[in-house]
Amino acid sequence: MQVIACQMDIVWEDKLANYEKVQRLLDRFNQSNGIKPGAMIVLPEMFATGFSMNVDTAAEDETRATEKVIEELAASYGACVIGGISRVVGVSEVNGSNEAVVIARAMDGDPSTSPVSGAGDNNSIELTRYRKMQPFTHGDEDKHYLPGDSPVVFDWQGMKISPFICYDLRFPEHFRSAVRMGAEVFAIIANWPAKRAAHWKALLCARAIENQAYVIGVNRCGSDPALDYAGESLIIDPMGNLLVQAGGDEVAIEASVNIDLLREYREKFPVLKDMR
């Protein structure tokens, strides 16, 4: 399966500018590399606004504009798209939900993506959505966004994939829980600051090695009013080998995820069978 990681310099709280930026980035990639039917495209955490604690501004309104952009990308490219959004989910002061929503093109003959109630207007369907389990307390995210309860795992192209968001990466127990649910691929979307970039790379590699899983880490680059971001999005194989890594600029990078290789490796070196 082709995996495409889209690293963006997110324009602060400007949804329209970021929608256009994603489209340009993918159009350029498609023209030069080609987006294959059934690919998985991964966008950063809160890609439409940046990591904003202004829930009223960052969150989806009744038009669901950001989700519709994801639907349109999935339909246009015949792909599965993972993108970070935020929503209002309560009436208290802490009422936001920082989510990874997964929307895919409905594929003929694939029951996991057959159009059902809730499908988008562009022959697309929501496969799952995940709420960030670990709000970033150091940045007061917990004062604005509610934590999620558990990992989720979805099926795409015969693989079991689990999305996570940024600060979740520091909590390996959540990834272990996802593996127990069958996860074979992790997609971590982030706004991970440059001053802790070394942690980003080390932790992503650790999650791949300890869980014998592919890891797709998609970070933003550039800056927001508070922080600078190094980018350095990357894709790692189940043995911990780096397949591809971005630098600090806006770019879409790709790698091939081979599920047969992963399952053969897990069978030959059955570490996960020794989990207790």
Protein backbone atom coordinates (compact mmCIF):
# COMPACT_ATOMS: atom_id res chain seq x y z
CA MET A 1 0.00 0.00 0.00
CA GLN A 2 1.22 3.48 -0.85
CA VAL A 3 1.37 5.81 2.16
CA ILE A 4 1.64 9.57 1.62
CA ALA A 5 2.55 11.82 4.55
CA CYS A 6 1.71 15.50 4.03
CA GLN A 7 3.89 17.89 6.01
CA MET A 8 2.45 21.42 6.11
CA ASP A 9 3.34 24.84 7.47
CA ILE A 10 -0.16 25.40 8.86
CA VAL A 11 -1.51 28.95 8.53
CA TRP A 12 -2.69 29.96 11.99
CA GLU A 13 -6.48 29.67 12.37
CA ASP A 14 -7.07 30.17 8.63
CA LYS A 15 -9.07 27.19 7.43
CA LEU A 16 -9.52 28.26 3.81
CA ALA A 17 -5.79 28.90 3.37
CA ASN A 18 -4.98 25.47 4.79
CA TYR A 19 -7.55 23.68 2.65
CA GLU A 20 -5.94 25.24 -0.41
CA LYS A 21 -2.47 24.36 0.86
CA VAL A 22 -3.35 20.68 1.25
CA GLN A 23 -4.87 20.55 -2.22
CA ARG A 24 -1.79 22.18 -3.82
CA LEU A 25 0.56 19.85 -1.96
CA LEU A 26 -1.29 16.74 -3.10
CA ASP A 27 -1.81 17.99 -6.65
CA ARG A 28 1.94 18.57 -7.01
CA PHE A 29 2.67 15.15 -5.58
CA ASN A 30 0.15 13.49 -7.87
CA GLN A 31 1.62 15.16 -10.93
CA SER A 32 5.19 14.12 -10.11
CA ASN A 33 4.76 10.76 -8.31
CA GLY A 34 1.18 9.65 -8.81
CA ILE A 35 -1.35 8.79 -6.11
CA LYS A 36 -2.36 5.16 -6.52
CA PRO A 37 -5.94 3.97 -5.95
CA GLY A 38 -6.20 2.62 -2.41
CA ALA A 39 -3.40 4.83 -1.07
CA MET A 40 -3.49 6.19 2.48
CA ILE A 41 -2.96 9.95 2.81
CA VAL A 42 -2.13 11.33 6.25
CA LEU A 43 -2.46 15.01 7.28
CA PRO A 44 -1.20 16.62 10.52
CA GLU A 45 -3.04 17.22 13.79
CA MET A 46 -5.60 20.06 13.51
CA PHE A 47 -4.33 20.70 9.99
CA ALA A 48 -6.96 23.37 9.24
CA THR A 49 -6.05 25.75 12.09
CA GLY A 50 -2.90 24.73 13.92
CA PHE A 51 -2.81 23.65 17.57
CA SER A 52 -5.26 26.28 18.77
CA MET A 53 -6.84 26.37 22.22
CA ASN A 54 -9.53 28.66 20.82
CA VAL A 55 -12.11 25.90 20.44
CA ASP A 56 -14.82 28.16 19.02
CA THR A 57 -12.51 29.17 16.16
CA ALA A 58 -10.77 25.85 15.57
CA ALA A 59 -13.76 23.50 15.84
CA GLU A 60 -15.99 22.33 13.03
CA ASP A 61 -19.28 24.20 12.74
CA GLU A 62 -22.54 22.92 11.30
CA THR A 63 -21.10 23.00 7.75
CA ARG A 64 -18.44 20.38 8.63
CA ALA A 65 -16.13 22.16 6.20
CA THR A 66 -12.90 20.41 7.22
CA GLU A 67 -14.47 16.98 7.18
CA LYS A 68 -15.91 17.71 3.75
CA VAL A 69 -12.43 18.60 2.50
CA ILE A 70 -11.23 15.22 3.74
CA GLU A 71 -14.20 13.53 2.05
CA GLU A 72 -13.42 15.29 -1.23
CA LEU A 73 -9.74 14.29 -1.08
CA ALA A 74 -10.67 10.67 -0.42
CA ALA A 75 -13.12 10.64 -3.33
CA SER A 76 -10.84 12.53 -5.70
CA TYR A 77 -7.80 10.31 -5.19
CA GLY A 78 -9.58 7.02 -4.48
CA ALA A 79 -7.80 6.96 -1.13
CA CYS A 80 -8.15 6.68 2.61
CA VAL A 81 -7.43 10.03 4.28
CA ILE A 82 -6.55 10.59 7.94
CA GLY A 83 -6.80 14.21 9.04
CA GLY A 84 -6.77 16.06 12.35
CA ILE A 85 -9.85 18.10 13.22
CA SER A 86 -11.47 19.55 16.33
CA ARG A 87 -15.11 19.60 17.36
CA VAL A 88 -17.30 20.98 20.13
CA VAL A 89 -18.75 18.03 22.02
CA GLY A 90 -20.05 19.47 25.29
CA VAL A 91 -21.49 22.52 27.03
CA SER A 92 -18.95 22.89 29.84
CA GLU A 93 -15.81 25.04 29.76
CA VAL A 94 -13.84 21.97 28.64
CA ASN A 95 -15.86 21.13 25.55
CA GLY A 96 -13.48 20.42 22.68
CA SER A 97 -12.49 17.16 21.03
CA ASN A 98 -9.12 16.87 19.27
CA GLU A 99 -9.67 14.09 16.76
CA ALA A 100 -8.25 12.08 13.91
CA VAL A 101 -11.04 11.40 11.45
CA VAL A 102 -10.59 8.65 8.86
CA ILE A 103 -12.56 8.92 5.62
CA ALA A 104 -12.14 6.70 2.59
CA ARG A 105 -13.39 6.32 -0.94
CA ALA A 106 -16.04 3.59 -1.04
CA MET A 107 -14.34 0.76 -2.96
CA ASP A 108 -16.35 -1.63 -5.13
CA GLY A 109 -16.38 -5.12 -3.71
CA ASP A 110 -14.89 -4.12 -0.34
CA PRO A 111 -17.52 -4.52 2.38
CA SER A 112 -15.47 -2.46 4.84
CA THR A 113 -15.94 0.59 2.61
CA SER A 114 -19.39 -0.05 1.18
CA PRO A 115 -21.60 3.06 1.20
CA VAL A 116 -23.83 3.06 4.27
CA SER A 117 -25.74 5.62 6.27
CA GLY A 118 -23.31 8.44 7.08
CA ALA A 119 -21.37 8.28 3.84
CA GLY A 120 -20.26 11.60 2.42
CA ASP A 121 -21.59 13.28 -0.70
CA ASN A 122 -18.61 12.17 -2.80
CA ASN A 123 -18.89 8.38 -2.57
CA SER A 124 -16.83 8.47 0.61
CA ILE A 125 -17.42 6.96 4.02
CA GLU A 126 -16.17 7.59 7.53
CA LEU A 127 -14.25 4.52 8.67
CA THR A 128 -13.58 5.70 12.22
CA ARG A 129 -12.66 8.68 14.36
CA TYR A 130 -10.30 8.79 17.29
CA ARG A 131 -10.19 11.29 20.15
CA LYS A 132 -6.74 12.14 21.51
CA MET A 133 -6.34 10.18 24.75
CA GLN A 134 -3.61 12.38 26.20
CA PRO A 135 -4.34 16.13 26.03
CA PHE A 136 -1.08 18.07 26.34
CA THR A 137 -1.37 19.34 29.90
CA HIS A 138 1.92 21.26 29.63
CA GLY A 139 0.19 23.43 27.01
CA ASP A 140 -3.17 23.56 28.85
CA GLU A 141 -4.88 21.41 26.22
CA ASP A 142 -6.69 19.58 29.03
CA LYS A 143 -8.41 22.86 29.94
CA HIS A 144 -10.05 23.01 26.50
CA TYR A 145 -10.21 19.48 25.06
CA LEU A 146 -11.67 16.32 26.58
CA PRO A 147 -9.58 13.12 26.60
CA GLY A 148 -10.52 10.04 24.64
CA ASP A 149 -11.18 6.70 26.28
CA SER A 150 -9.45 4.12 24.11
CA PRO A 151 -7.56 3.47 20.87
CA VAL A 152 -9.39 2.57 17.68
CA VAL A 153 -8.40 0.22 14.89
CA PHE A 154 -9.79 0.28 11.34
CA ASP A 155 -9.29 -1.86 8.25
CA TRP A 156 -7.90 -0.56 4.99
CA GLN A 157 -6.36 -2.54 2.13
CA GLY A 158 -6.27 -5.66 4.29
CA MET A 159 -4.35 -3.95 7.09
CA LYS A 160 -5.34 -2.99 10.61
CA ILE A 161 -4.43 0.63 11.28
CA SER A 162 -4.59 2.66 14.48
CA PRO A 163 -4.39 6.49 14.55
CA PHE A 164 -2.87 8.46 17.43
CA ILE A 165 -2.28 12.16 18.04
CA CYS A 166 0.92 13.93 19.10
CA TYR A 167 1.34 13.72 22.91
CA ASP A 168 -0.12 10.19 22.83
CA LEU A 169 3.29 9.16 21.51
CA ARG A 170 4.81 9.45 24.99
CA PHE A 171 2.45 6.81 26.40
CA PRO A 172 3.43 3.38 25.05
CA GLU A 173 0.65 1.61 26.94
CA HIS A 174 -1.92 3.00 24.50
CA PHE A 175 -0.02 1.58 21.54
CA ARG A 176 0.22 -1.78 23.30
CA SER A 177 -3.54 -1.71 23.77
CA ALA A 178 -3.97 -1.08 20.04
CA VAL A 179 -1.68 -4.02 19.21
CA ARG A 180 -3.83 -6.25 21.41
CA MET A 181 -6.75 -5.04 19.25
CA GLY A 182 -4.85 -6.20 16.16
CA ALA A 183 -3.06 -3.01 15.03
CA GLU A 184 -0.31 -3.49 12.45
CA VAL A 185 0.19 0.12 11.35
CA PHE A 186 0.26 3.26 13.52
CA ALA A 187 -0.45 6.72 12.07
CA ILE A 188 0.62 9.47 14.48
CA ILE A 189 -0.44 13.00 13.48
CA ALA A 190 1.16 15.90 15.33
CA ASN A 191 2.09 19.49 15.99
CA TRP A 192 5.37 18.46 17.65
CA PRO A 193 7.67 21.40 18.49
CA ALA A 194 11.21 21.72 17.16
CA LYS A 195 12.78 21.94 20.62
CA ARG A 196 11.78 18.31 21.25
CA ALA A 197 12.39 16.99 17.73
CA ALA A 198 14.89 14.41 18.96
CA HIS A 199 12.19 12.91 21.17
CA TRP A 200 9.80 12.76 18.22
CA LYS A 201 12.14 10.58 16.17
CA ALA A 202 13.28 8.38 19.04
CA LEU A 203 9.76 7.67 20.29
CA LEU A 204 8.39 6.90 16.82
CA CYS A 205 11.21 4.41 16.27
CA ALA A 206 10.58 2.84 19.68
CA ARG A 207 6.86 2.41 18.96
CA ALA A 208 7.75 0.60 15.70
CA ILE A 209 10.33 -1.74 17.23
CA GLU A 210 8.49 -2.68 20.42
CA ASN A 211 5.20 -3.35 18.60
CA GLN A 212 6.64 -4.80 15.38
CA ALA A 213 4.50 -2.32 13.46
CA TYR A 214 4.80 0.20 10.67
CA VAL A 215 4.82 3.75 12.03
CA ILE A 216 3.78 6.82 10.05
CA GLY A 217 4.62 10.04 11.87
CA VAL A 218 3.20 13.19 10.26
CA ASN A 219 4.22 16.48 11.82
CA ARG A 220 3.69 20.09 10.82
CA CYS A 221 6.55 22.42 9.95
CA GLY A 222 6.96 26.21 10.16
CA SER A 223 5.72 28.16 13.16
CA ASP A 224 2.65 29.39 15.00
CA PRO A 225 2.37 32.35 17.42
CA ALA A 226 4.00 30.31 20.20
CA LEU A 227 6.32 27.65 18.75
CA ASP A 228 8.55 26.57 15.90
CA TYR A 229 8.14 23.14 14.30
CA ALA A 230 10.92 21.10 12.67
CA GLY A 231 8.69 18.88 10.55
CA GLU A 232 10.75 15.70 10.13
CA SER A 233 7.77 13.54 9.26
CA LEU A 234 8.84 9.95 8.69
CA ILE A 235 7.79 6.39 7.95
CA ILE A 236 9.42 3.46 9.77
CA ASP A 237 9.15 -0.27 9.12
CA PRO A 238 8.43 -2.93 11.79
CA MET A 239 12.15 -3.60 12.31
CA GLY A 240 12.79 0.06 13.10
CA ASN A 241 14.32 0.91 9.73
CA LEU A 242 13.70 4.43 8.45
CA LEU A 243 12.01 4.21 5.05
CA VAL A 244 11.68 7.93 4.34
CA GLN A 245 12.01 11.20 6.24
CA ALA A 246 11.08 14.79 5.43
CA GLY A 247 13.20 17.78 6.29
CA GLY A 248 11.81 21.07 7.56
CA ASP A 249 9.88 22.27 4.51
CA GLU A 250 6.39 21.63 3.18
CA VAL A 251 6.45 18.34 1.34
CA ALA A 252 4.57 15.12 0.70
CA ILE A 253 6.67 11.99 1.21
CA GLU A 254 5.77 8.41 0.36
CA ALA A 255 6.67 4.84 1.21
CA SER A 256 5.25 1.41 0.50
CA VAL A 257 3.79 -0.52 3.42
CA ASN A 258 4.11 -4.28 2.89
CA ILE A 259 1.77 -6.17 5.19
CA ASP A 260 3.15 -9.57 4.11
CA LEU A 261 6.60 -8.50 5.25
CA LEU A 262 5.21 -7.38 8.60
CA ARG A 263 3.31 -10.59 9.25
CA GLU A 264 6.23 -12.74 8.18
CA TYR A 265 8.51 -10.81 10.55
CA ARG A 266 6.06 -11.18 13.46
CA GLU A 267 5.86 -14.90 12.77
CA LYS A 268 9.63 -15.45 12.53
CA PHE A 269 10.39 -13.30 15.59
CA PRO A 270 7.23 -13.67 17.72
CA VAL A 271 7.94 -11.07 20.39
CA LEU A 272 4.31 -10.03 20.71
CA LYS A 273 3.31 -13.55 21.75
CA ASP A 274 5.28 -12.98 24.95
CA MET A 275 3.21 -9.97 26.04
CA ARG A 276 1.92 -10.39 29.60
